[in-house]
C-alpha atoms as a PDB file:
ATOM      1  CA  UNK A   1      -0.233   0.075  -0.285  1.00  0.00           C
ATOM      2  CA  UNK A   2       1.741   3.439  -0.633  1.00  0.00           C
ATOM      3  CA  UNK A   3       1.835   6.384   0.873  1.00  0.00           C
ATOM      4  CA  UNK A   4      -1.273   8.236   1.690  1.00  0.00           C
ATOM      5  CA  UNK A   5      -0.283  11.904   0.078  1.00  0.00           C
ATOM      6  CA  UNK A   6      -1.401  15.049   1.656  1.00  0.00           C
ATOM      7  CA  UNK A   7      -1.820  18.766  -0.770  1.00  0.00           C
ATOM      8  CA  UNK A   8      -2.342  21.957   0.852  1.00  0.00           C
ATOM      9  CA  UNK A   9      -2.795  23.998  -2.192  1.00  0.00           C
ATOM     10  CA  UNK A  10      -3.688  27.896  -1.123  1.00  0.00           C
ATOM     11  CA  UNK A  11      -5.266  30.610  -4.148  1.00  0.00           C
ATOM     12  CA  UNK A  12      -5.511  33.325  -4.159  1.00  0.00           C
ATOM     13  CA  UNK A  13      -7.759  35.311  -6.617  1.00  0.00           C
ATOM     14  CA  UNK A  14      -7.425  38.448  -7.652  1.00  0.00           C
ATOM     15  CA  UNK A  15      -9.543  40.754  -5.818  1.00  0.00           C
ATOM     16  CA  UNK A  16     -11.964  41.711  -7.948  1.00  0.00           C
ATOM     17  CA  UNK A  17     -12.393  37.804  -9.471  1.00  0.00           C
ATOM     18  CA  UNK A  18     -12.986  36.510  -5.604  1.00  0.00           C
ATOM     19  CA  UNK A  19     -16.490  35.417  -6.916  1.00  0.00           C
ATOM     20  CA  UNK A  20     -15.652  34.049 -10.399  1.00  0.00           C
ATOM     21  CA  UNK A  21     -12.750  32.184  -8.227  1.00  0.00           C
ATOM     22  CA  UNK A  22     -15.310  30.852  -5.313  1.00  0.00           C
ATOM     23  CA  UNK A  23     -17.879  30.086  -7.275  1.00  0.00           C
ATOM     24  CA  UNK A  24     -15.614  27.558  -9.680  1.00  0.00           C
ATOM     25  CA  UNK A  25     -14.006  26.023  -6.687  1.00  0.00           C
ATOM     26  CA  UNK A  26     -16.894  25.082  -5.155  1.00  0.00           C
ATOM     27  CA  UNK A  27     -17.734  23.088  -8.920  1.00  0.00           C
ATOM     28  CA  UNK A  28     -15.172  21.070  -7.976  1.00  0.00           C
ATOM     29  CA  UNK A  29     -16.049  19.339  -4.749  1.00  0.00           C
ATOM     30  CA  UNK A  30     -18.826  17.365  -5.185  1.00  0.00           C
ATOM     31  CA  UNK A  31     -16.918  16.221  -8.442  1.00  0.00           C
ATOM     32  CA  UNK A  32     -13.590  15.367  -7.121  1.00  0.00           C
ATOM     33  CA  UNK A  33     -15.138  14.285  -3.934  1.00  0.00           C
ATOM     34  CA  UNK A  34     -16.084  10.763  -6.394  1.00  0.00           C
ATOM     35  CA  UNK A  35     -12.695  10.612  -7.609  1.00  0.00           C
ATOM     36  CA  UNK A  36     -10.742   7.643  -7.326  1.00  0.00           C
ATOM     37  CA  UNK A  37      -8.091   8.097  -4.363  1.00  0.00           C
ATOM     38  CA  UNK A  38      -9.684  11.299  -3.132  1.00  0.00           C
ATOM     39  CA  UNK A  39     -10.037  10.171   0.600  1.00  0.00           C
ATOM     40  CA  UNK A  40     -10.131  14.065   2.231  1.00  0.00           C
ATOM     41  CA  UNK A  41     -11.532  16.901  -0.291  1.00  0.00           C
ATOM     42  CA  UNK A  42     -11.634  20.255   1.671  1.00  0.00           C
ATOM     43  CA  UNK A  43     -11.941  23.969   0.771  1.00  0.00           C
ATOM     44  CA  UNK A  44     -11.514  26.877   2.865  1.00  0.00           C
ATOM     45  CA  UNK A  45     -11.581  30.636   3.333  1.00  0.00           C
ATOM     46  CA  UNK A  46     -10.192  32.882   4.306  1.00  0.00           C
ATOM     47  CA  UNK A  47     -11.746  35.055   7.268  1.00  0.00           C
ATOM     48  CA  UNK A  48      -9.800  38.430   6.856  1.00  0.00           C
ATOM     49  CA  UNK A  49      -8.306  38.367   3.351  1.00  0.00           C
ATOM     50  CA  UNK A  50     -11.018  36.343   1.774  1.00  0.00           C
ATOM     51  CA  UNK A  51      -9.829  36.611  -1.542  1.00  0.00           C
ATOM     52  CA  UNK A  52      -7.709  33.934  -0.355  1.00  0.00           C
ATOM     53  CA  UNK A  53      -9.154  30.094  -0.657  1.00  0.00           C
ATOM     54  CA  UNK A  54      -7.195  26.925   0.694  1.00  0.00           C
ATOM     55  CA  UNK A  55      -7.380  23.050   0.157  1.00  0.00           C
ATOM     56  CA  UNK A  56      -7.128  20.101   2.303  1.00  0.00           C
ATOM     57  CA  UNK A  57      -6.760  17.220   0.427  1.00  0.00           C
ATOM     58  CA  UNK A  58      -5.944  13.412   1.193  1.00  0.00           C
ATOM     59  CA  UNK A  59      -5.242  11.278  -1.699  1.00  0.00           C
ATOM     60  CA  UNK A  60      -4.740   7.796  -1.186  1.00  0.00           C
ATOM     61  CA  UNK A  61      -1.575   8.219  -4.171  1.00  0.00           C
ATOM     62  CA  UNK A  62       0.587  10.822  -5.515  1.00  0.00           C
ATOM     63  CA  UNK A  63      -0.354   8.981  -9.312  1.00  0.00           C
ATOM     64  CA  UNK A  64      -4.643   9.044  -7.707  1.00  0.00           C
ATOM     65  CA  UNK A  65      -3.537  12.820  -6.967  1.00  0.00           C
ATOM     66  CA  UNK A  66      -2.184  13.402 -10.735  1.00  0.00           C
ATOM     67  CA  UNK A  67      -5.102  12.152 -12.127  1.00  0.00           C
ATOM     68  CA  UNK A  68      -7.030  14.797 -10.496  1.00  0.00           C
ATOM     69  CA  UNK A  69      -4.966  17.153 -11.504  1.00  0.00           C
ATOM     70  CA  UNK A  70      -5.280  15.913 -14.508  1.00  0.00           C
ATOM     71  CA  UNK A  71      -8.847  15.116 -14.927  1.00  0.00           C
ATOM     72  CA  UNK A  72     -11.146  17.602 -17.305  1.00  0.00           C
ATOM     73  CA  UNK A  73     -12.984  19.142 -14.089  1.00  0.00           C
ATOM     74  CA  UNK A  74      -9.632  21.014 -12.929  1.00  0.00           C
ATOM     75  CA  UNK A  75      -8.692  21.452 -16.503  1.00  0.00           C
ATOM     76  CA  UNK A  76     -11.722  23.913 -17.141  1.00  0.00           C
ATOM     77  CA  UNK A  77     -11.146  25.201 -13.732  1.00  0.00           C
ATOM     78  CA  UNK A  78      -7.962  26.183 -14.614  1.00  0.00           C
ATOM     79  CA  UNK A  79      -8.919  27.574 -17.719  1.00  0.00           C
ATOM     80  CA  UNK A  80     -12.055  29.127 -16.311  1.00  0.00           C
ATOM     81  CA  UNK A  81      -9.915  31.563 -13.621  1.00  0.00           C
ATOM     82  CA  UNK A  82      -6.896  31.906 -16.056  1.00  0.00           C
ATOM     83  CA  UNK A  83      -7.140  35.438 -15.990  1.00  0.00           C
ATOM     84  CA  UNK A  84      -8.514  35.679 -12.031  1.00  0.00           C
ATOM     85  CA  UNK A  85      -5.748  34.086  -9.651  1.00  0.00           C
ATOM     86  CA  UNK A  86      -2.571  35.715  -8.179  1.00  0.00           C
ATOM     87  CA  UNK A  87      -1.028  33.393  -7.157  1.00  0.00           C
ATOM     88  CA  UNK A  88      -1.230  29.989  -6.582  1.00  0.00           C
ATOM     89  CA  UNK A  89       1.406  27.499  -4.243  1.00  0.00           C
ATOM     90  CA  UNK A  90       0.887  23.898  -3.926  1.00  0.00           C
ATOM     91  CA  UNK A  91       2.725  21.564  -0.976  1.00  0.00           C
ATOM     92  CA  UNK A  92       3.006  17.755  -1.211  1.00  0.00           C
ATOM     93  CA  UNK A  93       3.436  16.397   2.463  1.00  0.00           C
ATOM     94  CA  UNK A  94       3.476  13.426   4.287  1.00  0.00           C
ATOM     95  CA  UNK A  95       1.668  12.762   7.297  1.00  0.00           C
ATOM     96  CA  UNK A  96       4.662  12.516   9.809  1.00  0.00           C
ATOM     97  CA  UNK A  97       3.238  12.108  13.591  1.00  0.00           C
END
């Protein structure tokens, strides 16, 4: 059995596009939660800077997460928000305790 992969992804929308980015992110939730290998997929919004969104994800393996990253719904999100996202930081992590 492979080691689960933890993903922490931080998306910062351009302030004028916060609603667009949020609506596009919300469209990913149910689709992704039903993808093979998805254990947890939670979206959070910063209380003080609402243009900042954070995903906390757990995947059964890096390969299954990569399949998610290459999936049509995620590619659609990236195309729809290309000009609306100011910053995107992704951390691939392993639980150590």
